[in-house]
Amino acid sequence: MASVVVDVMLKPEILDPQGKAVHGALPRLGFEGVTDVRQGKRFELELDGEVTPQRLDQVRALAATLLSNPVIEDFDIRVED
């Protein structure tokens, strides 16, 4: 069994209101020195068998059509040990 992680983040040019809200709360909670916060999503997929280039292509298609909105979000895929 293989584990593949898909991280989805808003594109840098897209406003992130949740990240801004967290950033605004940090000083009130005593956390200093954080210059920016961006919030995203993480999907962990467990796959049967090995991760082949073809399977990664399938995960890329899944991420592009279901897990993210490619107009406003970017995604990154990685295989975990």
C-alpha atoms as a PDB file:
ATOM      1  CA  MET A   1       0.000   0.000   0.000  1.00  0.00           C
ATOM      2  CA  ALA A   2       1.273   3.465  -0.882  1.00  0.00           C
ATOM      3  CA  SER A   3       0.437   6.850   0.558  1.00  0.00           C
ATOM      4  CA  VAL A   4       0.164   9.888  -1.707  1.00  0.00           C
ATOM      5  CA  VAL A   5      -0.397  13.382  -0.316  1.00  0.00           C
ATOM      6  CA  VAL A   6      -2.013  16.183  -2.301  1.00  0.00           C
ATOM      7  CA  ASP A   7      -1.540  19.678  -0.871  1.00  0.00           C
ATOM      8  CA  VAL A   8      -3.877  22.328  -2.306  1.00  0.00           C
ATOM      9  CA  MET A   9      -3.192  26.032  -1.821  1.00  0.00           C
ATOM     10  CA  LEU A  10      -4.744  29.199  -3.159  1.00  0.00           C
ATOM     11  CA  LYS A  11      -2.627  30.750  -5.898  1.00  0.00           C
ATOM     12  CA  PRO A  12      -0.404  33.564  -4.542  1.00  0.00           C
ATOM     13  CA  GLU A  13      -2.432  36.267  -6.300  1.00  0.00           C
ATOM     14  CA  ILE A  14      -5.719  35.104  -4.714  1.00  0.00           C
ATOM     15  CA  LEU A  15      -6.766  36.750  -1.440  1.00  0.00           C
ATOM     16  CA  ASP A  16      -6.816  34.279   1.474  1.00  0.00           C
ATOM     17  CA  PRO A  17      -9.308  35.630   4.064  1.00  0.00           C
ATOM     18  CA  GLN A  18      -8.875  32.659   6.420  1.00  0.00           C
ATOM     19  CA  GLY A  19      -5.098  33.053   6.357  1.00  0.00           C
ATOM     20  CA  LYS A  20      -5.487  36.788   7.030  1.00  0.00           C
ATOM     21  CA  ALA A  21      -7.807  36.080   9.979  1.00  0.00           C
ATOM     22  CA  VAL A  22      -5.292  33.657  11.499  1.00  0.00           C
ATOM     23  CA  HIS A  23      -2.473  36.138  10.893  1.00  0.00           C
ATOM     24  CA  GLY A  24      -4.457  38.879  12.620  1.00  0.00           C
ATOM     25  CA  ALA A  25      -5.118  36.682  15.650  1.00  0.00           C
ATOM     26  CA  LEU A  26      -1.501  35.644  16.217  1.00  0.00           C
ATOM     27  CA  PRO A  27      -0.301  38.808  18.018  1.00  0.00           C
ATOM     28  CA  ARG A  28      -3.369  38.770  20.274  1.00  0.00           C
ATOM     29  CA  LEU A  29      -2.409  35.219  21.258  1.00  0.00           C
ATOM     30  CA  GLY A  30       1.198  36.181  21.960  1.00  0.00           C
ATOM     31  CA  PHE A  31       2.790  34.850  18.755  1.00  0.00           C
ATOM     32  CA  GLU A  32       5.165  37.379  17.220  1.00  0.00           C
ATOM     33  CA  GLY A  33       7.323  37.372  14.115  1.00  0.00           C
ATOM     34  CA  VAL A  34       4.940  35.648  11.688  1.00  0.00           C
ATOM     35  CA  THR A  35       4.832  37.805   8.562  1.00  0.00           C
ATOM     36  CA  ASP A  36       2.096  35.985   6.607  1.00  0.00           C
ATOM     37  CA  VAL A  37      -0.261  33.006   6.802  1.00  0.00           C
ATOM     38  CA  ARG A  38      -1.801  31.077   3.910  1.00  0.00           C
ATOM     39  CA  GLN A  39      -4.324  28.353   4.592  1.00  0.00           C
ATOM     40  CA  GLY A  40      -4.779  25.274   2.394  1.00  0.00           C
ATOM     41  CA  LYS A  41      -6.069  21.723   2.214  1.00  0.00           C
ATOM     42  CA  ARG A  42      -4.261  18.377   2.545  1.00  0.00           C
ATOM     43  CA  PHE A  43      -5.579  15.120   1.104  1.00  0.00           C
ATOM     44  CA  GLU A  44      -4.018  11.761   2.016  1.00  0.00           C
ATOM     45  CA  LEU A  45      -4.726   9.005  -0.494  1.00  0.00           C
ATOM     46  CA  GLU A  46      -3.964   5.358   0.246  1.00  0.00           C
ATOM     47  CA  LEU A  47      -3.367   3.406  -2.960  1.00  0.00           C
ATOM     48  CA  ASP A  48      -3.221  -0.347  -3.481  1.00  0.00           C
ATOM     49  CA  GLY A  49       0.094  -1.537  -4.865  1.00  0.00           C
ATOM     50  CA  GLU A  50       3.007   0.539  -6.061  1.00  0.00           C
ATOM     51  CA  VAL A  51       2.999   4.145  -7.155  1.00  0.00           C
ATOM     52  CA  THR A  52       3.888   4.143 -10.838  1.00  0.00           C
ATOM     53  CA  PRO A  53       4.131   7.124 -13.170  1.00  0.00           C
ATOM     54  CA  GLN A  54       0.722   6.136 -14.575  1.00  0.00           C
ATOM     55  CA  ARG A  55      -0.836   6.084 -11.111  1.00  0.00           C
ATOM     56  CA  LEU A  56       0.657   9.494 -10.353  1.00  0.00           C
ATOM     57  CA  ASP A  57      -0.885  10.777 -13.597  1.00  0.00           C
ATOM     58  CA  GLN A  58      -4.251   9.488 -12.331  1.00  0.00           C
ATOM     59  CA  VAL A  59      -3.747  11.272  -8.993  1.00  0.00           C
ATOM     60  CA  ARG A  60      -2.819  14.467 -10.902  1.00  0.00           C
ATOM     61  CA  ALA A  61      -6.054  14.201 -12.888  1.00  0.00           C
ATOM     62  CA  LEU A  62      -8.003  13.589  -9.658  1.00  0.00           C
ATOM     63  CA  ALA A  63      -6.386  16.619  -8.026  1.00  0.00           C
ATOM     64  CA  ALA A  64      -7.073  18.830 -11.039  1.00  0.00           C
ATOM     65  CA  THR A  65     -10.725  17.822 -11.438  1.00  0.00           C
ATOM     66  CA  LEU A  66     -11.994  17.053  -7.928  1.00  0.00           C
ATOM     67  CA  LEU A  67      -9.617  18.093  -5.150  1.00  0.00           C
ATOM     68  CA  SER A  68      -8.778  21.583  -6.399  1.00  0.00           C
ATOM     69  CA  ASN A  69     -10.191  24.463  -8.380  1.00  0.00           C
ATOM     70  CA  PRO A  70      -7.421  25.052 -10.937  1.00  0.00           C
ATOM     71  CA  VAL A  71      -8.649  28.582 -11.625  1.00  0.00           C
ATOM     72  CA  ILE A  72      -7.735  29.770  -8.118  1.00  0.00           C
ATOM     73  CA  GLU A  73      -5.703  26.917  -6.581  1.00  0.00           C
ATOM     74  CA  ASP A  74      -2.397  25.148  -7.169  1.00  0.00           C
ATOM     75  CA  PHE A  75      -1.631  21.656  -5.943  1.00  0.00           C
ATOM     76  CA  ASP A  76       1.455  19.622  -5.138  1.00  0.00           C
ATOM     77  CA  ILE A  77       1.633  15.819  -5.063  1.00  0.00           C
ATOM     78  CA  ARG A  78       4.162  13.758  -3.131  1.00  0.00           C
ATOM     79  CA  VAL A  79       4.576  10.106  -2.247  1.00  0.00           C
ATOM     80  CA  GLU A  80       5.135   9.411   1.452  1.00  0.00           C
ATOM     81  CA  ASP A  81       7.109   6.470   2.814  1.00  0.00           C
END
